[in-house]
Amino acid sequence: MLLMGGGARIKKVQRGVSQMTDLPSDANFDVTISPINLTRSFVRFMRNSGLPGTFSEFWIMAFFPNASTIRFARHKSGGAVKLSWEVVEFSQGVRVQHVQTLVTTNVTTATIAPVDMDRTFLVVSFRHATDDFDTMQAMLNSHPMVTLVAPDTLEFAPLSSNHRKFVQVAVVEVK
């Protein structure tokens, strides 16, 4: 087991490479994993593909709909995307809270169980909820900013005033 600060111990890291194919609009791509404790786990991933057919297909969100599934989602179909993913599960010393929200044109907040801000980090992914990008620059400038602004508050701020996004956050507190 890998030991982190404060006695956090990694129980297991599951990893893999999956191919997300041309899916219908708002379709999900599920990957089955060995069951995990959701309050001690998070997923991280990287994508490898060319440019999508439309700009809103570029961003992909990952989350756990249950303890044995990673769900990858994007706004609409866009051709094949190769995903390299890791699920990190801790046996002790870590608490993970999962938050999912829709970010619109205004700054919004979400309340979480209080955390020690000096020992907490965020793992964020998102996908677009609309198909209204006309340039690559507009798409790249449209990602939301997520900040832990207080021990019990996440703030979601759009960088663009006219694009909606679904955002998934794993709030990882190392005890």
N, C-alpha and C. Protein backbone atom coordinates (compact mmCIF):
# COMPACT_ATOMS: atom_id res chain seq x y z
N MET A 1 0.83 -1.18 0.00
CA MET A 1 0.00 0.00 0.00
C MET A 1 0.87 1.24 0.00
N LEU A 2 0.46 2.25 -0.72
CA LEU A 2 1.17 3.52 -0.77
C LEU A 2 0.71 4.39 0.38
N LEU A 3 1.67 4.94 1.15
CA LEU A 3 1.35 5.78 2.29
C LEU A 3 1.46 7.24 1.88
N MET A 4 0.42 8.03 2.17
CA MET A 4 0.43 9.46 1.89
C MET A 4 0.42 10.20 3.22
N GLY A 5 0.59 11.53 3.19
CA GLY A 5 0.56 12.34 4.38
C GLY A 5 -0.66 12.08 5.23
N GLY A 6 -0.49 12.08 6.57
CA GLY A 6 -1.61 11.89 7.46
C GLY A 6 -2.06 10.46 7.59
N GLY A 7 -1.35 9.51 7.03
CA GLY A 7 -1.73 8.11 7.17
C GLY A 7 -2.71 7.61 6.13
N ALA A 8 -2.95 8.37 5.10
CA ALA A 8 -3.83 7.89 4.03
C ALA A 8 -3.16 6.73 3.32
N ARG A 9 -3.93 5.69 3.08
CA ARG A 9 -3.39 4.50 2.41
C ARG A 9 -4.21 4.18 1.17
N ILE A 10 -3.51 3.96 0.08
CA ILE A 10 -4.18 3.54 -1.15
C ILE A 10 -4.43 2.05 -1.06
N LYS A 11 -5.69 1.68 -1.21
CA LYS A 11 -6.07 0.27 -1.18
C LYS A 11 -5.80 -0.38 -2.53
N LYS A 12 -6.22 0.32 -3.60
CA LYS A 12 -6.09 -0.26 -4.94
C LYS A 12 -6.23 0.83 -5.99
N VAL A 13 -5.51 0.67 -7.08
CA VAL A 13 -5.68 1.52 -8.26
C VAL A 13 -6.09 0.61 -9.40
N GLN A 14 -7.28 0.86 -9.94
CA GLN A 14 -7.73 0.13 -11.13
C GLN A 14 -7.47 1.04 -12.32
N ARG A 15 -6.98 0.47 -13.42
CA ARG A 15 -6.71 1.30 -14.59
C ARG A 15 -7.03 0.54 -15.86
N GLY A 16 -7.24 1.32 -16.90
CA GLY A 16 -7.53 0.69 -18.17
C GLY A 16 -7.55 1.71 -19.29
N VAL A 17 -7.70 1.20 -20.49
CA VAL A 17 -7.86 2.02 -21.69
C VAL A 17 -9.14 1.56 -22.36
N SER A 18 -10.00 2.51 -22.66
CA SER A 18 -11.29 2.20 -23.27
C SER A 18 -11.51 3.08 -24.48
N GLN A 19 -12.33 2.59 -25.39
CA GLN A 19 -12.64 3.32 -26.62
C GLN A 19 -14.08 3.81 -26.56
N MET A 20 -14.26 5.12 -26.55
CA MET A 20 -15.60 5.73 -26.60
C MET A 20 -15.91 5.93 -28.08
N THR A 21 -16.93 5.23 -28.58
CA THR A 21 -17.24 5.28 -30.01
C THR A 21 -18.25 6.38 -30.31
N ASP A 22 -18.69 6.45 -31.54
CA ASP A 22 -19.66 7.46 -31.98
C ASP A 22 -21.01 7.17 -31.32
N LEU A 23 -21.35 7.95 -30.30
CA LEU A 23 -22.56 7.72 -29.51
C LEU A 23 -23.65 8.70 -29.89
N PRO A 24 -24.91 8.34 -29.68
CA PRO A 24 -26.00 9.29 -29.91
C PRO A 24 -25.88 10.49 -28.95
N SER A 25 -26.60 11.55 -29.25
CA SER A 25 -26.58 12.76 -28.44
C SER A 25 -26.89 12.43 -26.98
N ASP A 26 -26.08 12.99 -26.08
CA ASP A 26 -26.23 12.81 -24.63
C ASP A 26 -26.12 11.36 -24.19
N ALA A 27 -25.52 10.50 -24.98
CA ALA A 27 -25.35 9.11 -24.59
C ALA A 27 -24.20 8.98 -23.60
N ASN A 28 -24.23 7.92 -22.83
CA ASN A 28 -23.19 7.63 -21.86
C ASN A 28 -22.42 6.40 -22.29
N PHE A 29 -21.17 6.35 -21.90
CA PHE A 29 -20.31 5.20 -22.16
C PHE A 29 -19.88 4.66 -20.80
N ASP A 30 -20.27 3.44 -20.46
CA ASP A 30 -19.99 2.86 -19.16
C ASP A 30 -18.86 1.85 -19.22
N VAL A 31 -18.03 1.86 -18.18
CA VAL A 31 -16.95 0.89 -18.01
C VAL A 31 -17.18 0.20 -16.67
N THR A 32 -17.22 -1.12 -16.68
CA THR A 32 -17.40 -1.88 -15.46
C THR A 32 -16.06 -2.06 -14.76
N ILE A 33 -16.06 -1.81 -13.44
CA ILE A 33 -14.87 -1.95 -12.61
C ILE A 33 -15.20 -2.85 -11.42
N SER A 34 -14.17 -3.29 -10.70
CA SER A 34 -14.40 -4.00 -9.45
C SER A 34 -15.06 -3.03 -8.47
N PRO A 35 -15.99 -3.49 -7.65
CA PRO A 35 -16.69 -2.58 -6.73
C PRO A 35 -15.74 -1.80 -5.82
N ILE A 36 -16.08 -0.54 -5.59
CA ILE A 36 -15.27 0.36 -4.76
C ILE A 36 -16.13 0.99 -3.67
N ASN A 37 -15.47 1.59 -2.70
CA ASN A 37 -16.14 2.41 -1.70
C ASN A 37 -16.17 3.83 -2.27
N LEU A 38 -17.35 4.34 -2.60
CA LEU A 38 -17.47 5.65 -3.25
C LEU A 38 -17.00 6.79 -2.37
N THR A 39 -17.02 6.62 -1.05
CA THR A 39 -16.59 7.69 -0.16
C THR A 39 -15.07 7.72 0.03
N ARG A 40 -14.38 6.80 -0.64
CA ARG A 40 -12.92 6.75 -0.57
C ARG A 40 -12.26 6.63 -1.94
N SER A 41 -13.01 6.97 -3.01
CA SER A 41 -12.49 6.76 -4.37
C SER A 41 -12.77 7.94 -5.28
N PHE A 42 -11.89 8.10 -6.28
CA PHE A 42 -12.14 9.06 -7.34
C PHE A 42 -11.57 8.51 -8.64
N VAL A 43 -12.04 9.07 -9.75
CA VAL A 43 -11.56 8.65 -11.07
C VAL A 43 -10.83 9.83 -11.72
N ARG A 44 -9.78 9.52 -12.42
CA ARG A 44 -9.08 10.51 -13.24
C ARG A 44 -8.86 9.87 -14.60
N PHE A 45 -8.80 10.71 -15.64
CA PHE A 45 -8.65 10.15 -16.97
C PHE A 45 -8.00 11.15 -17.91
N MET A 46 -7.51 10.60 -19.02
CA MET A 46 -6.98 11.42 -20.11
C MET A 46 -7.61 10.90 -21.39
N ARG A 47 -7.75 11.78 -22.36
CA ARG A 47 -8.33 11.42 -23.65
C ARG A 47 -7.27 11.57 -24.73
N ASN A 48 -7.43 10.79 -25.78
CA ASN A 48 -6.52 10.87 -26.90
C ASN A 48 -7.35 10.72 -28.17
N SER A 49 -7.49 11.81 -28.89
CA SER A 49 -8.23 11.77 -30.16
C SER A 49 -7.91 13.01 -30.95
N GLY A 50 -8.33 13.01 -32.18
CA GLY A 50 -8.23 14.20 -33.00
C GLY A 50 -9.34 15.16 -32.63
N LEU A 51 -9.45 16.24 -33.35
CA LEU A 51 -10.50 17.21 -33.09
C LEU A 51 -11.86 16.60 -33.39
N PRO A 52 -12.87 16.96 -32.61
CA PRO A 52 -14.21 16.43 -32.83
C PRO A 52 -14.86 17.06 -34.04
N GLY A 53 -16.01 16.49 -34.43
CA GLY A 53 -16.77 17.04 -35.54
C GLY A 53 -17.31 18.42 -35.24
N THR A 54 -17.79 18.64 -34.01
CA THR A 54 -18.19 19.97 -33.57
C THR A 54 -17.50 20.23 -32.24
N PHE A 55 -17.34 21.50 -31.91
CA PHE A 55 -16.53 21.86 -30.75
C PHE A 55 -17.10 21.40 -29.42
N SER A 56 -18.42 21.30 -29.29
CA SER A 56 -19.00 20.89 -28.01
C SER A 56 -18.80 19.41 -27.71
N GLU A 57 -18.31 18.63 -28.66
CA GLU A 57 -18.05 17.21 -28.43
C GLU A 57 -16.72 16.96 -27.74
N PHE A 58 -15.89 17.98 -27.63
CA PHE A 58 -14.51 17.82 -27.17
C PHE A 58 -14.41 17.40 -25.71
N TRP A 59 -15.18 18.04 -24.81
CA TRP A 59 -15.05 17.79 -23.37
C TRP A 59 -15.84 16.57 -22.94
N ILE A 60 -15.22 15.76 -22.08
CA ILE A 60 -15.83 14.54 -21.57
C ILE A 60 -15.83 14.60 -20.05
N MET A 61 -16.90 14.14 -19.44
CA MET A 61 -17.05 14.11 -18.00
C MET A 61 -17.01 12.66 -17.54
N ALA A 62 -16.41 12.40 -16.37
CA ALA A 62 -16.36 11.05 -15.81
C ALA A 62 -16.90 11.08 -14.39
N PHE A 63 -17.70 10.06 -14.04
CA PHE A 63 -18.23 9.96 -12.69
C PHE A 63 -18.67 8.52 -12.43
N PHE A 64 -19.02 8.25 -11.16
CA PHE A 64 -19.48 6.92 -10.74
C PHE A 64 -20.99 6.96 -10.56
N PRO A 65 -21.79 6.32 -11.43
CA PRO A 65 -23.22 6.21 -11.17
C PRO A 65 -23.53 5.18 -10.08
N ASN A 66 -22.57 4.27 -9.85
CA ASN A 66 -22.67 3.28 -8.78
C ASN A 66 -21.26 2.79 -8.46
N ALA A 67 -21.15 1.89 -7.52
CA ALA A 67 -19.84 1.45 -7.02
C ALA A 67 -19.05 0.56 -7.98
N SER A 68 -19.65 0.11 -9.08
CA SER A 68 -18.92 -0.76 -10.00
C SER A 68 -18.94 -0.25 -11.45
N THR A 69 -19.17 1.07 -11.63
CA THR A 69 -19.23 1.63 -12.98
C THR A 69 -18.60 3.01 -13.03
N ILE A 70 -17.77 3.23 -14.06
CA ILE A 70 -17.34 4.59 -14.42
C ILE A 70 -18.21 4.98 -15.61
N ARG A 71 -18.80 6.15 -15.56
CA ARG A 71 -19.58 6.64 -16.69
C ARG A 71 -18.85 7.83 -17.31
N PHE A 72 -18.58 7.73 -18.63
CA PHE A 72 -18.01 8.83 -19.39
C PHE A 72 -19.15 9.42 -20.22
N ALA A 73 -19.23 10.75 -20.27
CA ALA A 73 -20.32 11.40 -21.00
C ALA A 73 -19.80 12.63 -21.72
N ARG A 74 -20.32 12.84 -22.91
CA ARG A 74 -20.06 14.08 -23.64
C ARG A 74 -21.37 14.58 -24.22
N HIS A 75 -21.38 15.79 -24.72
CA HIS A 75 -22.63 16.41 -25.15
C HIS A 75 -23.31 15.66 -26.28
N LYS A 76 -22.56 15.24 -27.26
CA LYS A 76 -23.15 14.53 -28.40
C LYS A 76 -22.11 13.67 -29.08
N SER A 77 -22.51 12.96 -30.09
CA SER A 77 -21.58 12.07 -30.78
C SER A 77 -20.45 12.87 -31.41
N GLY A 78 -19.34 12.20 -31.58
CA GLY A 78 -18.21 12.91 -32.16
C GLY A 78 -17.08 12.02 -32.58
N GLY A 79 -17.37 10.81 -32.90
CA GLY A 79 -16.32 9.92 -33.33
C GLY A 79 -15.63 9.24 -32.16
N ALA A 80 -14.69 8.40 -32.48
CA ALA A 80 -14.01 7.59 -31.46
C ALA A 80 -13.04 8.43 -30.64
N VAL A 81 -13.00 8.13 -29.34
CA VAL A 81 -12.07 8.76 -28.41
C VAL A 81 -11.47 7.66 -27.55
N LYS A 82 -10.16 7.63 -27.46
CA LYS A 82 -9.49 6.67 -26.59
C LYS A 82 -9.33 7.32 -25.22
N LEU A 83 -9.73 6.58 -24.17
CA LEU A 83 -9.68 7.08 -22.80
C LEU A 83 -8.75 6.20 -21.96
N SER A 84 -7.78 6.82 -21.32
CA SER A 84 -6.92 6.14 -20.36
C SER A 84 -7.39 6.59 -18.99
N TRP A 85 -7.81 5.64 -18.13
CA TRP A 85 -8.43 6.02 -16.86
C TRP A 85 -7.81 5.28 -15.69
N GLU A 86 -7.93 5.89 -14.51
CA GLU A 86 -7.51 5.28 -13.26
C GLU A 86 -8.56 5.57 -12.19
N VAL A 87 -8.90 4.55 -11.42
CA VAL A 87 -9.77 4.70 -10.26
C VAL A 87 -8.87 4.49 -9.05
N VAL A 88 -8.75 5.52 -8.22
CA VAL A 88 -7.92 5.46 -7.02
C VAL A 88 -8.84 5.25 -5.82
N GLU A 89 -8.63 4.14 -5.10
CA GLU A 89 -9.43 3.84 -3.91
C GLU A 89 -8.50 3.77 -2.70
N PHE A 90 -8.88 4.49 -1.66
CA PHE A 90 -8.11 4.51 -0.42
C PHE A 90 -8.75 3.56 0.60
N SER A 91 -7.92 2.95 1.46
CA SER A 91 -8.44 2.09 2.52
C SER A 91 -8.69 2.87 3.80
N GLN A 92 -7.96 3.96 3.97
CA GLN A 92 -8.14 4.78 5.17
C GLN A 92 -7.54 6.16 4.96
N GLY A 93 -7.93 7.08 5.83
CA GLY A 93 -7.31 8.40 5.84
C GLY A 93 -7.77 9.36 4.77
N VAL A 94 -8.79 9.01 4.00
CA VAL A 94 -9.29 9.88 2.93
C VAL A 94 -10.81 9.82 2.93
N ARG A 95 -11.43 10.98 2.71
CA ARG A 95 -12.88 11.04 2.51
C ARG A 95 -13.11 11.75 1.18
N VAL A 96 -13.96 11.16 0.34
CA VAL A 96 -14.27 11.74 -0.97
C VAL A 96 -15.76 12.05 -1.03
N GLN A 97 -16.07 13.29 -1.42
CA GLN A 97 -17.46 13.70 -1.65
C GLN A 97 -17.59 13.94 -3.16
N HIS A 98 -18.69 13.48 -3.73
CA HIS A 98 -18.93 13.65 -5.16
C HIS A 98 -20.08 14.64 -5.36
N VAL A 99 -19.83 15.64 -6.20
CA VAL A 99 -20.81 16.69 -6.48
C VAL A 99 -20.96 16.81 -7.99
N GLN A 100 -22.20 16.86 -8.45
CA GLN A 100 -22.47 17.07 -9.87
C GLN A 100 -23.50 18.18 -9.99
N THR A 101 -23.25 19.13 -10.90
CA THR A 101 -24.16 20.25 -11.06
C THR A 101 -24.12 20.77 -12.50
N LEU A 102 -25.10 21.59 -12.82
CA LEU A 102 -25.15 22.27 -14.11
C LEU A 102 -24.72 23.71 -13.88
N VAL A 103 -23.68 24.14 -14.58
CA VAL A 103 -23.20 25.52 -14.49
C VAL A 103 -23.79 26.28 -15.66
N THR A 104 -24.47 27.37 -15.34
CA THR A 104 -25.10 28.19 -16.39
C THR A 104 -24.37 29.52 -16.49
N THR A 105 -25.09 30.59 -16.66
CA THR A 105 -24.47 31.89 -16.89
C THR A 105 -24.07 32.61 -15.62
N ASN A 106 -24.50 32.12 -14.47
CA ASN A 106 -24.20 32.79 -13.20
C ASN A 106 -23.28 31.96 -12.33
N VAL A 107 -22.57 32.62 -11.43
CA VAL A 107 -21.78 31.93 -10.43
C VAL A 107 -22.75 31.22 -9.49
N THR A 108 -22.50 29.94 -9.22
CA THR A 108 -23.35 29.17 -8.32
C THR A 108 -22.47 28.50 -7.26
N THR A 109 -23.09 28.04 -6.19
CA THR A 109 -22.35 27.35 -5.15
C THR A 109 -23.04 26.03 -4.83
N ALA A 110 -22.28 25.14 -4.20
CA ALA A 110 -22.81 23.87 -3.70
C ALA A 110 -22.27 23.68 -2.29
N THR A 111 -23.13 23.23 -1.40
CA THR A 111 -22.74 22.97 -0.03
C THR A 111 -22.27 21.52 0.09
N ILE A 112 -21.15 21.34 0.77
CA ILE A 112 -20.59 20.01 1.02
C ILE A 112 -20.39 19.85 2.53
N ALA A 113 -20.11 18.65 2.98
CA ALA A 113 -19.73 18.45 4.38
C ALA A 113 -18.41 19.19 4.60
N PRO A 114 -18.24 19.85 5.74
CA PRO A 114 -17.01 20.64 5.97
C PRO A 114 -15.74 19.80 5.83
N VAL A 115 -14.71 20.42 5.24
CA VAL A 115 -13.41 19.78 5.03
C VAL A 115 -12.31 20.69 5.55
N ASP A 116 -11.14 20.13 5.77
CA ASP A 116 -9.95 20.91 6.09
C ASP A 116 -9.38 21.40 4.76
N MET A 117 -9.49 22.69 4.50
CA MET A 117 -9.09 23.24 3.20
C MET A 117 -7.61 23.05 2.90
N ASP A 118 -6.77 22.92 3.93
CA ASP A 118 -5.33 22.72 3.73
C ASP A 118 -4.98 21.29 3.35
N ARG A 119 -5.96 20.38 3.44
CA ARG A 119 -5.70 18.97 3.16
C ARG A 119 -6.69 18.41 2.14
N THR A 120 -7.23 19.30 1.31
CA THR A 120 -8.27 18.90 0.36
C THR A 120 -7.89 19.35 -1.05
N PHE A 121 -8.16 18.48 -2.03
CA PHE A 121 -7.98 18.86 -3.43
C PHE A 121 -9.20 18.42 -4.22
N LEU A 122 -9.35 19.01 -5.41
CA LEU A 122 -10.51 18.76 -6.26
C LEU A 122 -10.08 18.04 -7.53
N VAL A 123 -10.89 17.08 -7.95
CA VAL A 123 -10.71 16.41 -9.24
C VAL A 123 -11.97 16.76 -10.04
N VAL A 124 -11.80 17.50 -11.14
CA VAL A 124 -12.93 18.08 -11.86
C VAL A 124 -12.96 17.58 -13.30
N SER A 125 -14.15 17.27 -13.78
CA SER A 125 -14.37 17.02 -15.21
C SER A 125 -15.71 17.62 -15.58
N PHE A 126 -15.89 17.90 -16.86
CA PHE A 126 -17.16 18.50 -17.29
C PHE A 126 -17.42 18.19 -18.76
N ARG A 127 -18.68 18.39 -19.13
CA ARG A 127 -19.06 18.29 -20.53
C ARG A 127 -20.02 19.43 -20.82
N HIS A 128 -20.07 19.83 -22.07
CA HIS A 128 -20.97 20.91 -22.47
C HIS A 128 -22.41 20.42 -22.52
N ALA A 129 -23.34 21.31 -22.24
CA ALA A 129 -24.76 20.99 -22.28
C ALA A 129 -25.43 21.58 -23.51
N THR A 130 -24.68 22.34 -24.28
CA THR A 130 -25.22 22.97 -25.49
C THR A 130 -24.24 22.79 -26.64
N ASP A 131 -24.70 23.03 -27.83
CA ASP A 131 -23.89 22.87 -29.04
C ASP A 131 -23.81 24.23 -29.74
N ASP A 132 -23.18 25.19 -29.07
CA ASP A 132 -23.21 26.56 -29.60
C ASP A 132 -21.82 27.20 -29.69
N PHE A 133 -20.84 26.42 -30.11
CA PHE A 133 -19.49 26.96 -30.25
C PHE A 133 -19.18 27.12 -31.73
N ASP A 134 -18.66 28.28 -32.08
CA ASP A 134 -18.36 28.52 -33.48
C ASP A 134 -16.87 28.48 -33.78
N THR A 135 -16.02 28.54 -32.75
CA THR A 135 -14.58 28.47 -32.97
C THR A 135 -13.94 27.64 -31.88
N MET A 136 -12.75 27.14 -32.15
CA MET A 136 -11.99 26.40 -31.15
C MET A 136 -11.67 27.30 -29.95
N GLN A 137 -11.33 28.55 -30.20
CA GLN A 137 -11.01 29.47 -29.10
C GLN A 137 -12.21 29.66 -28.18
N ALA A 138 -13.41 29.79 -28.75
CA ALA A 138 -14.63 29.94 -27.94
C ALA A 138 -14.83 28.71 -27.08
N MET A 139 -14.58 27.53 -27.64
CA MET A 139 -14.74 26.30 -26.87
C MET A 139 -13.73 26.22 -25.74
N LEU A 140 -12.48 26.53 -26.01
CA LEU A 140 -11.44 26.43 -24.99
C LEU A 140 -11.64 27.45 -23.88
N ASN A 141 -12.19 28.61 -24.19
CA ASN A 141 -12.42 29.64 -23.19
C ASN A 141 -13.70 29.44 -22.40
N SER A 142 -14.43 28.38 -22.67
CA SER A 142 -15.74 28.22 -22.04
C SER A 142 -15.75 27.29 -20.85
N HIS A 143 -14.62 26.72 -20.46
CA HIS A 143 -14.65 25.76 -19.35
C HIS A 143 -14.95 26.48 -18.04
N PRO A 144 -15.64 25.80 -17.13
CA PRO A 144 -15.98 26.41 -15.84
C PRO A 144 -14.80 26.36 -14.88
N MET A 145 -14.80 27.28 -13.93
CA MET A 145 -13.80 27.28 -12.87
C MET A 145 -14.49 26.80 -11.59
N VAL A 146 -13.87 25.83 -10.92
CA VAL A 146 -14.42 25.30 -9.68
C VAL A 146 -13.41 25.58 -8.57
N THR A 147 -13.91 26.17 -7.47
CA THR A 147 -13.04 26.58 -6.37
C THR A 147 -13.65 26.17 -5.04
N LEU A 148 -12.82 25.69 -4.14
CA LEU A 148 -13.23 25.45 -2.76
C LEU A 148 -13.06 26.78 -2.04
N VAL A 149 -14.17 27.51 -1.83
CA VAL A 149 -14.09 28.88 -1.30
C VAL A 149 -14.26 28.93 0.22
N ALA A 150 -14.77 27.89 0.83
CA ALA A 150 -14.94 27.79 2.28
C ALA A 150 -14.93 26.31 2.62
N PRO A 151 -14.75 25.95 3.88
CA PRO A 151 -14.70 24.53 4.23
C PRO A 151 -15.93 23.73 3.80
N ASP A 152 -17.06 24.41 3.62
CA ASP A 152 -18.29 23.71 3.24
C ASP A 152 -18.91 24.20 1.94
N THR A 153 -18.11 24.89 1.10
CA THR A 153 -18.69 25.51 -0.09
C THR A 153 -17.79 25.39 -1.32
N LEU A 154 -18.36 24.86 -2.41
CA LEU A 154 -17.73 24.89 -3.72
C LEU A 154 -18.36 26.02 -4.52
N GLU A 155 -17.54 26.73 -5.29
CA GLU A 155 -18.07 27.78 -6.17
C GLU A 155 -17.80 27.38 -7.61
N PHE A 156 -18.83 27.51 -8.44
CA PHE A 156 -18.75 27.19 -9.86
C PHE A 156 -18.93 28.49 -10.63
N ALA A 157 -17.92 28.87 -11.41
CA ALA A 157 -17.98 30.12 -12.15
C ALA A 157 -17.75 29.85 -13.63
N PRO A 158 -18.70 30.26 -14.47
CA PRO A 158 -18.49 30.09 -15.91
C PRO A 158 -17.48 31.12 -16.40
N LEU A 159 -16.60 30.73 -17.31
CA LEU A 159 -15.67 31.69 -17.91
C LEU A 159 -16.31 32.40 -19.09
N SER A 160 -17.43 31.89 -19.53
CA SER A 160 -18.18 32.49 -20.63
C SER A 160 -19.62 32.61 -20.18
N SER A 161 -20.29 33.66 -20.58
CA SER A 161 -21.64 33.92 -20.09
C SER A 161 -22.73 33.21 -20.87
N ASN A 162 -22.39 32.51 -21.94
CA ASN A 162 -23.47 31.94 -22.76
C ASN A 162 -23.33 30.44 -23.05
N HIS A 163 -22.59 29.72 -22.21
CA HIS A 163 -22.43 28.29 -22.42
C HIS A 163 -22.73 27.53 -21.13
N ARG A 164 -23.58 26.50 -21.20
CA ARG A 164 -23.93 25.69 -20.03
C ARG A 164 -23.08 24.42 -20.02
N LYS A 165 -22.68 24.00 -18.81
CA LYS A 165 -21.87 22.80 -18.66
C LYS A 165 -22.36 21.96 -17.50
N PHE A 166 -22.27 20.63 -17.65
CA PHE A 166 -22.46 19.72 -16.53
C PHE A 166 -21.07 19.49 -15.94
N VAL A 167 -20.96 19.64 -14.62
CA VAL A 167 -19.66 19.54 -13.95
C VAL A 167 -19.72 18.46 -12.88
N GLN A 168 -18.68 17.63 -12.83
CA GLN A 168 -18.52 16.59 -11.81
C GLN A 168 -17.27 16.92 -11.01
N VAL A 169 -17.40 16.93 -9.68
CA VAL A 169 -16.27 17.23 -8.80
C VAL A 169 -16.13 16.13 -7.75
N ALA A 170 -14.93 15.64 -7.59
CA ALA A 170 -14.59 14.78 -6.45
C ALA A 170 -13.81 15.67 -5.48
N VAL A 171 -14.35 15.85 -4.29
CA VAL A 171 -13.70 16.65 -3.24
C VAL A 171 -12.95 15.64 -2.38
N VAL A 172 -11.62 15.65 -2.48
CA VAL A 172 -10.80 14.62 -1.83
C VAL A 172 -10.08 15.25 -0.63
N GLU A 173 -10.46 14.80 0.55
CA GLU A 173 -9.84 15.30 1.78
C GLU A 173 -8.95 14.22 2.37
N VAL A 174 -7.66 14.57 2.54
CA VAL A 174 -6.69 13.66 3.15
C VAL A 174 -6.65 13.98 4.64
N LYS A 175 -6.97 12.99 5.45
CA LYS A 175 -7.05 13.20 6.92
C LYS A 175 -5.67 13.28 7.56
